[in-house]
Structures are given as structure tokens and as C-alpha cells.
Amino acid sequence: MEDSKVAEIEKVIEKIRPYLQRDGGDVALSRVDGDIVYVTVHGACIGCNALDMTLKDGIEALLLDEVPDIKEVRLDNELF
């Protein structure tokens, strides 16, 4: 994926990070594989009961709305 697409993804992730940080968590772009974005979570997000909802209804919804050609957001399980 081209650098401009990664920059778009990073920009969108930066929009949601303050909300996660406010609750003691954080999110970062891990990698992009085709039309799938992989993120890592940190802090209070690890093991949080609301993580699935935050991932799908927050991060993924925002990325799908703002970045063309993105189909899904997943946790980067290589780190778990």
C-alpha cells in the first residue's frame, strides 16, 4: 500500500487516540495488508471488555468512512 494511504490511516487513528488515552489505553497502526488494517492496543485496552466494540464500532467504522479501499480492521495478534 502506498505511503499516502498509510498517512491517511494514521491521520484517522490520531482522531480516536485521545478518547482511548483518556481511559488509560492507546492504539497504534501496526501494519496494512491489502485492504485490512492491523492495529495494536496498549495500556487499559489490553483485556478490556469493550475492546471488540471499540475496534469495530469506533476505529473500524471511522476508517471505513474516511479511507477508501479499507475493508476491515483487526488486532495484530502477533503481539498477543
PDB file of N, CA and C in Angstrom:
ATOM      1  N   MET A   1       0.851  -1.177   0.000  1.00  0.00           N
ATOM      2  CA  MET A   1       0.000   0.000   0.000  1.00  0.00           C
ATOM      3  C   MET A   1       0.891   1.232   0.000  1.00  0.00           C
ATOM      4  N   GLU A   2       0.483   2.221  -0.759  1.00  0.00           N
ATOM      5  CA  GLU A   2       1.311   3.406  -0.896  1.00  0.00           C
ATOM      6  C   GLU A   2       1.365   4.224   0.396  1.00  0.00           C
ATOM      7  N   ASP A   3       2.414   5.037   0.485  1.00  0.00           N
ATOM      8  CA  ASP A   3       2.645   5.849   1.674  1.00  0.00           C
ATOM      9  C   ASP A   3       1.502   6.811   1.967  1.00  0.00           C
ATOM     10  N   SER A   4       0.861   7.330   0.923  1.00  0.00           N
ATOM     11  CA  SER A   4      -0.238   8.274   1.143  1.00  0.00           C
ATOM     12  C   SER A   4      -1.419   7.596   1.836  1.00  0.00           C
ATOM     13  N   LYS A   5      -1.682   6.337   1.508  1.00  0.00           N
ATOM     14  CA  LYS A   5      -2.774   5.595   2.147  1.00  0.00           C
ATOM     15  C   LYS A   5      -2.448   5.344   3.628  1.00  0.00           C
ATOM     16  N   VAL A   6      -1.193   4.980   3.904  1.00  0.00           N
ATOM     17  CA  VAL A   6      -0.774   4.780   5.293  1.00  0.00           C
ATOM     18  C   VAL A   6      -0.899   6.089   6.067  1.00  0.00           C
ATOM     19  N   ALA A   7      -0.535   7.197   5.452  1.00  0.00           N
ATOM     20  CA  ALA A   7      -0.660   8.501   6.104  1.00  0.00           C
ATOM     21  C   ALA A   7      -2.125   8.819   6.404  1.00  0.00           C
ATOM     22  N   GLU A   8      -3.029   8.488   5.481  1.00  0.00           N
ATOM     23  CA  GLU A   8      -4.458   8.690   5.716  1.00  0.00           C
ATOM     24  C   GLU A   8      -4.935   7.870   6.908  1.00  0.00           C
ATOM     25  N   ILE A   9      -4.498   6.622   6.967  1.00  0.00           N
ATOM     26  CA  ILE A   9      -4.884   5.729   8.067  1.00  0.00           C
ATOM     27  C   ILE A   9      -4.369   6.285   9.393  1.00  0.00           C
ATOM     28  N   GLU A  10      -3.116   6.706   9.411  1.00  0.00           N
ATOM     29  CA  GLU A  10      -2.517   7.273  10.630  1.00  0.00           C
ATOM     30  C   GLU A  10      -3.295   8.510  11.084  1.00  0.00           C
ATOM     31  N   LYS A  11      -3.700   9.337  10.144  1.00  0.00           N
ATOM     32  CA  LYS A  11      -4.442  10.554  10.472  1.00  0.00           C
ATOM     33  C   LYS A  11      -5.770  10.218  11.148  1.00  0.00           C
ATOM     34  N   VAL A  12      -6.454   9.199  10.649  1.00  0.00           N
ATOM     35  CA  VAL A  12      -7.727   8.788  11.233  1.00  0.00           C
ATOM     36  C   VAL A  12      -7.500   8.187  12.626  1.00  0.00           C
ATOM     37  N   ILE A  13      -6.471   7.375  12.777  1.00  0.00           N
ATOM     38  CA  ILE A  13      -6.175   6.783  14.089  1.00  0.00           C
ATOM     39  C   ILE A  13      -5.880   7.880  15.110  1.00  0.00           C
ATOM     40  N   GLU A  14      -5.211   8.940  14.683  1.00  0.00           N
ATOM     41  CA  GLU A  14      -4.912  10.053  15.586  1.00  0.00           C
ATOM     42  C   GLU A  14      -6.179  10.732  16.093  1.00  0.00           C
ATOM     43  N   LYS A  15      -7.268  10.658  15.320  1.00  0.00           N
ATOM     44  CA  LYS A  15      -8.532  11.241  15.755  1.00  0.00           C
ATOM     45  C   LYS A  15      -9.131  10.488  16.934  1.00  0.00           C
ATOM     46  N   ILE A  16      -8.948   9.178  16.974  1.00  0.00           N
ATOM     47  CA  ILE A  16      -9.588   8.374  18.015  1.00  0.00           C
ATOM     48  C   ILE A  16      -8.685   8.144  19.226  1.00  0.00           C
ATOM     49  N   ARG A  17      -7.385   8.298  19.047  1.00  0.00           N
ATOM     50  CA  ARG A  17      -6.432   8.048  20.143  1.00  0.00           C
ATOM     51  C   ARG A  17      -6.735   8.833  21.421  1.00  0.00           C
ATOM     52  N   PRO A  18      -7.089  10.118  21.353  1.00  0.00           N
ATOM     53  CA  PRO A  18      -7.339  10.856  22.600  1.00  0.00           C
ATOM     54  C   PRO A  18      -8.446  10.246  23.458  1.00  0.00           C
ATOM     55  N   TYR A  19      -9.449   9.667  22.820  1.00  0.00           N
ATOM     56  CA  TYR A  19     -10.541   9.049  23.573  1.00  0.00           C
ATOM     57  C   TYR A  19     -10.063   7.796  24.303  1.00  0.00           C
ATOM     58  N   LEU A  20      -9.206   7.029  23.666  1.00  0.00           N
ATOM     59  CA  LEU A  20      -8.658   5.843  24.318  1.00  0.00           C
ATOM     60  C   LEU A  20      -7.670   6.232  25.407  1.00  0.00           C
ATOM     61  N   GLN A  21      -6.858   7.229  25.132  1.00  0.00           N
ATOM     62  CA  GLN A  21      -5.866   7.682  26.108  1.00  0.00           C
ATOM     63  C   GLN A  21      -6.533   8.251  27.352  1.00  0.00           C
ATOM     64  N   ARG A  22      -7.673   8.876  27.180  1.00  0.00           N
ATOM     65  CA  ARG A  22      -8.418   9.431  28.313  1.00  0.00           C
ATOM     66  C   ARG A  22      -8.793   8.330  29.313  1.00  0.00           C
ATOM     67  N   ASP A  23      -9.003   7.124  28.799  1.00  0.00           N
ATOM     68  CA  ASP A  23      -9.372   5.999  29.658  1.00  0.00           C
ATOM     69  C   ASP A  23      -8.173   5.104  29.980  1.00  0.00           C
ATOM     70  N   GLY A  24      -6.963   5.562  29.681  1.00  0.00           N
ATOM     71  CA  GLY A  24      -5.765   4.807  30.030  1.00  0.00           C
ATOM     72  C   GLY A  24      -5.287   3.831  28.975  1.00  0.00           C
ATOM     73  N   GLY A  25      -5.863   3.872  27.793  1.00  0.00           N
ATOM     74  CA  GLY A  25      -5.463   2.969  26.720  1.00  0.00           C
ATOM     75  C   GLY A  25      -4.811   3.723  25.578  1.00  0.00           C
ATOM     76  N   ASP A  26      -4.534   3.008  24.525  1.00  0.00           N
ATOM     77  CA  ASP A  26      -3.960   3.617  23.333  1.00  0.00           C
ATOM     78  C   ASP A  26      -4.060   2.633  22.178  1.00  0.00           C
ATOM     79  N   VAL A  27      -3.919   3.137  20.966  1.00  0.00           N
ATOM     80  CA  VAL A  27      -3.953   2.320  19.764  1.00  0.00           C
ATOM     81  C   VAL A  27      -2.897   2.846  18.810  1.00  0.00           C
ATOM     82  N   ALA A  28      -2.313   1.945  18.024  1.00  0.00           N
ATOM     83  CA  ALA A  28      -1.313   2.336  17.033  1.00  0.00           C
ATOM     84  C   ALA A  28      -1.459   1.450  15.804  1.00  0.00           C
ATOM     85  N   LEU A  29      -1.170   2.018  14.659  1.00  0.00           N
ATOM     86  CA  LEU A  29      -1.148   1.249  13.423  1.00  0.00           C
ATOM     87  C   LEU A  29       0.025   0.288  13.478  1.00  0.00           C
ATOM     88  N   SER A  30      -0.255  -0.967  13.212  1.00  0.00           N
ATOM     89  CA  SER A  30       0.792  -1.980  13.199  1.00  0.00           C
ATOM     90  C   SER A  30       1.259  -2.245  11.773  1.00  0.00           C
ATOM     91  N   ARG A  31       0.279  -2.522  10.903  1.00  0.00           N
ATOM     92  CA  ARG A  31       0.621  -2.808   9.511  1.00  0.00           C
ATOM     93  C   ARG A  31      -0.650  -2.780   8.678  1.00  0.00           C
ATOM     94  N   VAL A  32      -0.457  -2.725   7.372  1.00  0.00           N
ATOM     95  CA  VAL A  32      -1.564  -2.775   6.431  1.00  0.00           C
ATOM     96  C   VAL A  32      -1.265  -3.912   5.469  1.00  0.00           C
ATOM     97  N   ASP A  33      -2.233  -4.809   5.318  1.00  0.00           N
ATOM     98  CA  ASP A  33      -2.086  -5.945   4.413  1.00  0.00           C
ATOM     99  C   ASP A  33      -3.244  -5.902   3.419  1.00  0.00           C
ATOM    100  N   GLY A  34      -2.980  -5.342   2.248  1.00  0.00           N
ATOM    101  CA  GLY A  34      -4.040  -5.189   1.254  1.00  0.00           C
ATOM    102  C   GLY A  34      -5.074  -4.201   1.737  1.00  0.00           C
ATOM    103  N   ASP A  35      -6.315  -4.671   1.923  1.00  0.00           N
ATOM    104  CA  ASP A  35      -7.385  -3.786   2.381  1.00  0.00           C
ATOM    105  C   ASP A  35      -7.718  -3.985   3.858  1.00  0.00           C
ATOM    106  N   ILE A  36      -6.820  -4.669   4.587  1.00  0.00           N
ATOM    107  CA  ILE A  36      -7.013  -4.917   6.010  1.00  0.00           C
ATOM    108  C   ILE A  36      -5.969  -4.144   6.808  1.00  0.00           C
ATOM    109  N   VAL A  37      -6.448  -3.403   7.805  1.00  0.00           N
ATOM    110  CA  VAL A  37      -5.588  -2.622   8.682  1.00  0.00           C
ATOM    111  C   VAL A  37      -5.429  -3.389   9.987  1.00  0.00           C
ATOM    112  N   TYR A  38      -4.199  -3.540  10.430  1.00  0.00           N
ATOM    113  CA  TYR A  38      -3.902  -4.187  11.703  1.00  0.00           C
ATOM    114  C   TYR A  38      -3.426  -3.140  12.694  1.00  0.00           C
ATOM    115  N   VAL A  39      -4.015  -3.172  13.887  1.00  0.00           N
ATOM    116  CA  VAL A  39      -3.634  -2.230  14.934  1.00  0.00           C
ATOM    117  C   VAL A  39      -3.199  -2.992  16.176  1.00  0.00           C
ATOM    118  N   THR A  40      -2.423  -2.322  17.000  1.00  0.00           N
ATOM    119  CA  THR A  40      -2.080  -2.851  18.313  1.00  0.00           C
ATOM    120  C   THR A  40      -2.698  -1.936  19.352  1.00  0.00           C
ATOM    121  N   VAL A  41      -3.063  -2.507  20.471  1.00  0.00           N
ATOM    122  CA  VAL A  41      -3.612  -1.722  21.569  1.00  0.00           C
ATOM    123  C   VAL A  41      -2.659  -1.804  22.750  1.00  0.00           C
ATOM    124  N   HIS A  42      -2.748  -0.792  23.592  1.00  0.00           N
ATOM    125  CA  HIS A  42      -1.826  -0.692  24.716  1.00  0.00           C
ATOM    126  C   HIS A  42      -2.585  -0.248  25.962  1.00  0.00           C
ATOM    127  N   GLY A  43      -1.933  -0.387  27.093  1.00  0.00           N
ATOM    128  CA  GLY A  43      -2.485   0.102  28.350  1.00  0.00           C
ATOM    129  C   GLY A  43      -3.783  -0.580  28.721  1.00  0.00           C
ATOM    130  N   ALA A  44      -4.745   0.229  29.137  1.00  0.00           N
ATOM    131  CA  ALA A  44      -6.024  -0.283  29.630  1.00  0.00           C
ATOM    132  C   ALA A  44      -6.826  -1.011  28.562  1.00  0.00           C
ATOM    133  N   CYS A  45      -6.489  -0.822  27.286  1.00  0.00           N
ATOM    134  CA  CYS A  45      -7.227  -1.511  26.210  1.00  0.00           C
ATOM    135  C   CYS A  45      -6.977  -3.022  26.239  1.00  0.00           C
ATOM    136  N   ILE A  46      -5.816  -3.424  26.708  1.00  0.00           N
ATOM    137  CA  ILE A  46      -5.488  -4.848  26.753  1.00  0.00           C
ATOM    138  C   ILE A  46      -6.377  -5.513  27.795  1.00  0.00           C
ATOM    139  N   GLY A  47      -7.173  -6.443  27.357  1.00  0.00           N
ATOM    140  CA  GLY A  47      -8.064  -7.169  28.250  1.00  0.00           C
ATOM    141  C   GLY A  47      -9.367  -6.442  28.569  1.00  0.00           C
ATOM    142  N   CYS A  48      -9.597  -5.288  27.975  1.00  0.00           N
ATOM    143  CA  CYS A  48     -10.817  -4.527  28.237  1.00  0.00           C
ATOM    144  C   CYS A  48     -12.021  -5.237  27.606  1.00  0.00           C
ATOM    145  N   ASN A  49     -13.113  -5.289  28.343  1.00  0.00           N
ATOM    146  CA  ASN A  49     -14.329  -5.929  27.854  1.00  0.00           C
ATOM    147  C   ASN A  49     -14.931  -5.195  26.659  1.00  0.00           C
ATOM    148  N   ALA A  50     -14.647  -3.914  26.522  1.00  0.00           N
ATOM    149  CA  ALA A  50     -15.221  -3.113  25.438  1.00  0.00           C
ATOM    150  C   ALA A  50     -14.308  -3.051  24.215  1.00  0.00           C
ATOM    151  N   LEU A  51     -13.211  -3.806  24.205  1.00  0.00           N
ATOM    152  CA  LEU A  51     -12.252  -3.711  23.112  1.00  0.00           C
ATOM    153  C   LEU A  51     -12.865  -4.070  21.767  1.00  0.00           C
ATOM    154  N   ASP A  52     -13.636  -5.130  21.693  1.00  0.00           N
ATOM    155  CA  ASP A  52     -14.246  -5.524  20.416  1.00  0.00           C
ATOM    156  C   ASP A  52     -15.157  -4.420  19.883  1.00  0.00           C
ATOM    157  N   MET A  53     -15.941  -3.824  20.758  1.00  0.00           N
ATOM    158  CA  MET A  53     -16.832  -2.751  20.357  1.00  0.00           C
ATOM    159  C   MET A  53     -16.025  -1.521  19.917  1.00  0.00           C
ATOM    160  N   THR A  54     -14.985  -1.191  20.659  1.00  0.00           N
ATOM    161  CA  THR A  54     -14.131  -0.058  20.299  1.00  0.00           C
ATOM    162  C   THR A  54     -13.469  -0.295  18.954  1.00  0.00           C
ATOM    163  N   LEU A  55     -13.007  -1.512  18.729  1.00  0.00           N
ATOM    164  CA  LEU A  55     -12.322  -1.842  17.483  1.00  0.00           C
ATOM    165  C   LEU A  55     -13.269  -1.738  16.288  1.00  0.00           C
ATOM    166  N   LYS A  56     -14.441  -2.349  16.388  1.00  0.00           N
ATOM    167  CA  LYS A  56     -15.369  -2.408  15.260  1.00  0.00           C
ATOM    168  C   LYS A  56     -16.239  -1.155  15.123  1.00  0.00           C
ATOM    169  N   ASP A  57     -16.828  -0.711  16.222  1.00  0.00           N
ATOM    170  CA  ASP A  57     -17.762   0.419  16.158  1.00  0.00           C
ATOM    171  C   ASP A  57     -17.066   1.773  16.206  1.00  0.00           C
ATOM    172  N   GLY A  58     -15.809   1.785  16.617  1.00  0.00           N
ATOM    173  CA  GLY A  58     -15.068   3.035  16.694  1.00  0.00           C
ATOM    174  C   GLY A  58     -14.008   3.134  15.616  1.00  0.00           C
ATOM    175  N   ILE A  59     -12.931   2.409  15.798  1.00  0.00           N
ATOM    176  CA  ILE A  59     -11.780   2.501  14.897  1.00  0.00           C
ATOM    177  C   ILE A  59     -12.143   2.073  13.481  1.00  0.00           C
ATOM    178  N   GLU A  60     -12.729   0.890  13.336  1.00  0.00           N
ATOM    179  CA  GLU A  60     -13.061   0.390  12.005  1.00  0.00           C
ATOM    180  C   GLU A  60     -14.098   1.274  11.321  1.00  0.00           C
ATOM    181  N   ALA A  61     -15.137   1.657  12.037  1.00  0.00           N
ATOM    182  CA  ALA A  61     -16.184   2.490  11.439  1.00  0.00           C
ATOM    183  C   ALA A  61     -15.614   3.800  10.912  1.00  0.00           C
ATOM    184  N   LEU A  62     -14.738   4.418  11.672  1.00  0.00           N
ATOM    185  CA  LEU A  62     -14.138   5.681  11.250  1.00  0.00           C
ATOM    186  C   LEU A  62     -13.232   5.487  10.036  1.00  0.00           C
ATOM    187  N   LEU A  63     -12.435   4.427  10.052  1.00  0.00           N
ATOM    188  CA  LEU A  63     -11.553   4.164   8.908  1.00  0.00           C
ATOM    189  C   LEU A  63     -12.340   3.841   7.642  1.00  0.00           C
ATOM    190  N   LEU A  64     -13.374   3.027   7.762  1.00  0.00           N
ATOM    191  CA  LEU A  64     -14.188   2.688   6.597  1.00  0.00           C
ATOM    192  C   LEU A  64     -14.854   3.931   6.008  1.00  0.00           C
ATOM    193  N   ASP A  65     -15.211   4.854   6.875  1.00  0.00           N
ATOM    194  CA  ASP A  65     -15.869   6.072   6.436  1.00  0.00           C
ATOM    195  C   ASP A  65     -14.905   7.052   5.766  1.00  0.00           C
ATOM    196  N   GLU A  66     -13.662   7.087   6.228  1.00  0.00           N
ATOM    197  CA  GLU A  66     -12.747   8.137   5.784  1.00  0.00           C
ATOM    198  C   GLU A  66     -11.631   7.691   4.842  1.00  0.00           C
ATOM    199  N   VAL A  67     -11.351   6.399   4.769  1.00  0.00           N
ATOM    200  CA  VAL A  67     -10.249   5.934   3.923  1.00  0.00           C
ATOM    201  C   VAL A  67     -10.786   4.935   2.893  1.00  0.00           C
ATOM    202  N   PRO A  68     -10.735   5.311   1.620  1.00  0.00           N
ATOM    203  CA  PRO A  68     -11.213   4.394   0.580  1.00  0.00           C
ATOM    204  C   PRO A  68     -10.406   3.093   0.548  1.00  0.00           C
ATOM    205  N   ASP A  69     -11.062   2.031   0.155  1.00  0.00           N
ATOM    206  CA  ASP A  69     -10.425   0.725  -0.059  1.00  0.00           C
ATOM    207  C   ASP A  69     -10.085  -0.042   1.214  1.00  0.00           C
ATOM    208  N   ILE A  70     -10.435   0.462   2.378  1.00  0.00           N
ATOM    209  CA  ILE A  70     -10.227  -0.294   3.612  1.00  0.00           C
ATOM    210  C   ILE A  70     -11.480  -1.125   3.848  1.00  0.00           C
ATOM    211  N   LYS A  71     -11.296  -2.422   4.110  1.00  0.00           N
ATOM    212  CA  LYS A  71     -12.437  -3.317   4.289  1.00  0.00           C
ATOM    213  C   LYS A  71     -12.626  -3.781   5.725  1.00  0.00           C
ATOM    214  N   GLU A  72     -11.522  -3.796   6.510  1.00  0.00           N
ATOM    215  CA  GLU A  72     -11.628  -4.343   7.860  1.00  0.00           C
ATOM    216  C   GLU A  72     -10.459  -3.858   8.701  1.00  0.00           C
ATOM    217  N   VAL A  73     -10.683  -3.812  10.016  1.00  0.00           N
ATOM    218  CA  VAL A  73      -9.621  -3.531  10.979  1.00  0.00           C
ATOM    219  C   VAL A  73      -9.549  -4.709  11.933  1.00  0.00           C
ATOM    220  N   ARG A  74      -8.341  -5.185  12.154  1.00  0.00           N
ATOM    221  CA  ARG A  74      -8.117  -6.325  13.058  1.00  0.00           C
ATOM    222  C   ARG A  74      -7.014  -6.004  14.042  1.00  0.00           C
ATOM    223  N   LEU A  75      -7.077  -6.689  15.195  1.00  0.00           N
ATOM    224  CA  LEU A  75      -5.961  -6.618  16.137  1.00  0.00           C
ATOM    225  C   LEU A  75      -4.790  -7.382  15.571  1.00  0.00           C
ATOM    226  N   ASP A  76      -3.596  -6.883  15.782  1.00  0.00           N
ATOM    227  CA  ASP A  76      -2.397  -7.578  15.345  1.00  0.00           C
ATOM    228  C   ASP A  76      -2.046  -8.615  16.399  1.00  0.00           C
ATOM    229  N   ASN A  77      -2.489  -9.831  16.176  1.00  0.00           N
ATOM    230  CA  ASN A  77      -2.331 -10.893  17.164  1.00  0.00           C
ATOM    231  C   ASN A  77      -0.906 -11.381  17.331  1.00  0.00           C
ATOM    232  N   GLU A  78       0.000 -10.944  16.466  1.00  0.00           N
ATOM    233  CA  GLU A  78       1.399 -11.346  16.617  1.00  0.00           C
ATOM    234  C   GLU A  78       1.951 -10.879  17.962  1.00  0.00           C
ATOM    235  N   LEU A  79       1.342  -9.837  18.528  1.00  0.00           N
ATOM    236  CA  LEU A  79       1.850  -9.278  19.762  1.00  0.00           C
ATOM    237  C   LEU A  79       1.141  -9.846  20.995  1.00  0.00           C
ATOM    238  N   PHE A  80       0.113 -10.690  20.793  1.00  0.00           N
ATOM    239  CA  PHE A  80      -0.636 -11.231  21.942  1.00  0.00           C
ATOM    240  C   PHE A  80      -0.395 -12.705  22.088  1.00  0.00           C
TER     241      PHE A  80
END
